[in-house]
Amino acid sequence: MRVRLKGINPVPKRLADGTWKTYWYAWKGGPPLRGEPGTPEFVHSYNEAIARKVATPQGTLQAPLRAFEASAEFSGLAERTRADYIKHIKAIEKEFRDFPLSGLTDRRTRGIFMAWRDRLAARSRRQADYAWQVLARVLSWALDRGLVLANPCARGGRLYRGSRADRIWTADDARAVDRPAARRSLALAVVGL
């Protein structure tokens, strides 16, 4: 019987003597697998790697993050929004994966999360606000379901204050497009004639 293992990542390497050897990993960046493909040892090591990957440590911030991703609220979001949320959830997991849920009730936790947002703001204030919004939404969702005892990210405010006033067309701009040299279809669309 043939078993298809998903996500296997073969990596060929040239050895010191000039020969080639293929190393097998459970997924890109995953743990190495023992044995050769098709052997029981290989399948067993693959199953062990998948079991470790799937198991979410309980009592840490990673648990509500994973639960939110599996929720109907998350799947009900638009596809683009889900993709953006996943990007930010990965960044949150990278920083706070092992943060204990019991620490969410500590007053210092809000300061820790805000310091993280401030570090993100050094690159982009808008993206820092978006990451904060995702963390706040996940914690709010988890609080409603009794998965956490507090949401230290509630009412966090915004860092980005943008204005598009410089993008508004003036009457002179509209007249420039409406001149005879401009294409009539463009003028109709811009001026609304």
Protein backbone atom coordinates (compact mmCIF):
# COMPACT_ATOMS: atom_id res chain seq x y z
CA MET A 1 0.00 0.00 0.00
CA ARG A 2 1.36 3.42 -0.98
CA VAL A 3 1.08 6.30 1.53
CA ARG A 4 1.40 9.90 0.36
CA LEU A 5 3.10 12.15 2.89
CA LYS A 6 2.37 15.84 2.32
CA GLY A 7 4.92 18.60 2.69
CA ILE A 8 8.06 16.47 2.48
CA ASN A 9 11.01 18.68 1.60
CA PRO A 10 13.98 16.95 -0.09
CA VAL A 11 17.28 18.87 0.09
CA PRO A 12 20.13 17.53 -2.07
CA LYS A 13 23.63 18.27 -0.75
CA ARG A 14 27.04 17.66 -2.27
CA LEU A 15 29.28 15.81 0.16
CA ALA A 16 33.00 16.42 0.64
CA ASP A 17 33.88 13.46 -1.62
CA GLY A 18 31.81 14.97 -4.48
CA THR A 19 28.83 12.61 -4.25
CA TRP A 20 25.27 13.80 -3.74
CA LYS A 21 23.02 12.88 -0.82
CA THR A 22 19.38 13.86 -0.29
CA TYR A 23 18.29 14.88 3.18
CA TRP A 24 14.57 14.74 3.93
CA TYR A 25 12.65 17.22 6.10
CA ALA A 26 9.02 17.11 7.26
CA TRP A 27 8.39 20.54 5.63
CA LYS A 28 10.47 23.56 4.63
CA GLY A 29 12.33 24.52 7.75
CA GLY A 30 10.96 21.47 9.54
CA PRO A 31 12.76 18.76 11.47
CA PRO A 32 14.89 16.21 9.61
CA LEU A 33 13.37 12.80 8.99
CA ARG A 34 15.11 9.51 9.79
CA GLY A 35 15.44 6.66 7.33
CA GLU A 36 14.74 6.50 3.62
CA PRO A 37 11.40 7.31 1.96
CA GLY A 38 9.08 4.33 2.00
CA THR A 39 10.54 2.71 5.11
CA PRO A 40 8.54 2.37 8.34
CA GLU A 41 11.20 4.41 10.18
CA PHE A 42 10.70 7.30 7.72
CA VAL A 43 6.90 7.24 8.09
CA HIS A 44 7.21 7.03 11.88
CA SER A 45 9.57 10.05 12.06
CA TYR A 46 7.21 11.98 9.73
CA ASN A 47 4.22 11.23 11.99
CA GLU A 48 6.21 12.32 15.06
CA ALA A 49 7.12 15.63 13.38
CA ILE A 50 3.50 16.31 12.37
CA ALA A 51 2.25 15.49 15.88
CA ARG A 52 4.72 17.98 17.40
CA LYS A 53 3.71 20.63 14.86
CA VAL A 54 -0.03 20.23 15.45
CA ALA A 55 0.16 20.20 19.23
CA THR A 56 -0.44 23.74 20.48
CA PRO A 57 0.97 24.40 23.92
CA GLN A 58 -1.92 25.17 26.27
CA GLY A 59 -1.60 28.04 28.71
CA THR A 60 0.35 30.21 26.28
CA LEU A 61 -0.75 32.99 23.91
CA GLN A 62 -0.29 30.64 20.98
CA ALA A 63 -3.38 28.64 22.03
CA PRO A 64 -5.95 31.45 21.52
CA LEU A 65 -4.16 32.57 18.35
CA ARG A 66 -4.56 29.08 16.84
CA ALA A 67 -8.13 28.78 18.12
CA PHE A 68 -9.03 32.10 16.46
CA GLU A 69 -7.58 30.90 13.14
CA ALA A 70 -9.80 27.79 13.39
CA SER A 71 -12.93 29.80 14.30
CA ALA A 72 -15.97 30.64 12.19
CA GLU A 73 -15.33 34.34 12.81
CA PHE A 74 -11.93 34.07 11.11
CA SER A 75 -13.23 31.97 8.21
CA GLY A 76 -16.02 34.51 7.69
CA LEU A 77 -13.51 37.27 6.91
CA ALA A 78 -12.74 38.28 3.35
CA GLU A 79 -9.90 36.32 1.76
CA ARG A 80 -7.58 39.35 1.66
CA THR A 81 -8.32 40.17 5.31
CA ARG A 82 -7.57 36.58 6.32
CA ALA A 83 -4.24 36.73 4.49
CA ASP A 84 -3.35 40.00 6.26
CA TYR A 85 -4.41 38.59 9.63
CA ILE A 86 -2.31 35.45 9.11
CA LYS A 87 0.73 37.62 8.38
CA HIS A 88 0.24 39.57 11.61
CA ILE A 89 -0.64 36.48 13.66
CA LYS A 90 2.66 34.92 12.57
CA ALA A 91 4.49 38.06 13.74
CA ILE A 92 2.62 37.92 17.07
CA GLU A 93 3.48 34.22 17.46
CA LYS A 94 7.11 34.90 16.70
CA GLU A 95 7.28 37.49 19.47
CA PHE A 96 4.84 36.12 22.07
CA ARG A 97 4.42 32.39 21.31
CA ASP A 98 5.28 31.28 24.83
CA PHE A 99 3.74 34.25 26.68
CA PRO A 100 1.70 32.74 29.55
CA LEU A 101 -2.05 33.41 29.51
CA SER A 102 -1.93 34.01 33.25
CA GLY A 103 0.26 37.04 32.51
CA LEU A 104 -2.53 38.80 30.61
CA THR A 105 -4.07 39.95 33.89
CA ASP A 106 -0.80 41.57 35.04
CA ARG A 107 -0.79 45.38 34.66
CA ARG A 108 2.69 45.31 33.09
CA THR A 109 1.49 43.21 30.14
CA ARG A 110 -0.05 46.18 28.34
CA GLY A 111 3.30 47.95 28.50
CA ILE A 112 5.06 44.89 27.06
CA PHE A 113 2.62 44.74 24.15
CA MET A 114 2.87 48.51 23.57
CA ALA A 115 6.68 48.32 23.53
CA TRP A 116 6.36 45.63 20.83
CA ARG A 117 4.02 47.89 18.84
CA ASP A 118 6.49 50.76 19.20
CA ARG A 119 9.27 48.57 17.78
CA LEU A 120 7.05 47.72 14.82
CA ALA A 121 6.24 51.42 14.36
CA ALA A 122 9.90 52.14 13.65
CA ARG A 123 9.30 50.51 10.25
CA SER A 124 5.65 51.42 9.63
CA ARG A 125 3.14 53.09 11.93
CA ARG A 126 0.19 51.78 9.90
CA GLN A 127 1.41 48.19 10.05
CA ALA A 128 2.12 48.54 13.78
CA ASP A 129 -1.48 49.70 14.30
CA TYR A 130 -2.77 46.82 12.17
CA ALA A 131 -0.74 44.25 14.17
CA TRP A 132 -2.07 45.78 17.42
CA GLN A 133 -5.62 45.63 16.03
CA VAL A 134 -5.23 41.93 15.15
CA LEU A 135 -3.86 41.11 18.62
CA ALA A 136 -6.68 43.09 20.26
CA ARG A 137 -9.31 41.33 18.15
CA VAL A 138 -7.95 37.86 18.90
CA LEU A 139 -7.82 38.61 22.61
CA SER A 140 -11.33 40.09 22.54
CA TRP A 141 -12.59 36.97 20.75
CA ALA A 142 -10.80 34.75 23.29
CA LEU A 143 -12.16 36.79 26.22
CA ASP A 144 -15.74 36.37 24.95
CA ARG A 145 -15.22 32.60 24.86
CA GLY A 146 -13.55 32.36 28.26
CA LEU A 147 -10.15 31.36 26.87
CA VAL A 148 -8.40 34.33 28.52
CA LEU A 149 -9.17 36.38 31.62
CA ALA A 150 -8.27 39.83 30.27
CA ASN A 151 -7.61 41.79 27.08
CA PRO A 152 -4.75 44.21 27.77
CA CYS A 153 -4.94 45.49 24.18
CA ALA A 154 -8.44 46.97 24.47
CA ARG A 155 -8.61 50.67 23.53
CA GLY A 156 -4.96 50.89 22.52
CA GLY A 157 -5.26 53.99 20.37
CA ARG A 158 -3.46 54.60 17.11
CA LEU A 159 0.02 55.67 16.16
CA TYR A 160 -0.68 56.50 12.51
CA ARG A 161 -2.36 59.79 11.79
CA GLY A 162 -2.69 60.11 8.06
CA SER A 163 -4.31 62.77 5.98
CA ARG A 164 -4.97 62.64 2.29
CA ALA A 165 -5.73 66.36 2.05
CA ASP A 166 -2.80 66.75 -0.35
CA ARG A 167 -4.51 64.28 -2.72
CA ILE A 168 -7.72 66.30 -3.16
CA TRP A 169 -8.19 67.91 -6.54
CA THR A 170 -8.66 71.64 -6.66
CA ALA A 171 -10.83 73.50 -9.16
CA ASP A 172 -7.64 74.39 -11.10
CA ASP A 173 -6.74 70.70 -11.38
CA ALA A 174 -10.20 69.87 -12.72
CA ARG A 175 -10.07 72.72 -15.26
CA ALA A 176 -6.66 71.51 -16.49
CA VAL A 177 -8.15 68.13 -17.34
CA ASP A 178 -11.25 69.71 -18.88
CA ARG A 179 -9.32 71.69 -21.49
CA PRO A 180 -9.81 70.74 -25.17
CA ALA A 181 -6.40 69.07 -25.42
CA ALA A 182 -7.38 66.53 -22.77
CA ARG A 183 -9.26 63.43 -23.86
CA ARG A 184 -12.97 64.06 -23.52
CA SER A 185 -13.66 60.69 -21.87
CA LEU A 186 -11.06 61.42 -19.18
CA ALA A 187 -12.53 64.86 -18.55
CA LEU A 188 -16.02 63.39 -18.17
CA ALA A 189 -14.81 60.84 -15.66
CA VAL A 190 -12.76 63.29 -13.58
CA VAL A 191 -15.03 66.32 -13.59
CA GLY A 192 -18.25 64.37 -13.63
CA LEU A 193 -19.79 66.18 -16.61
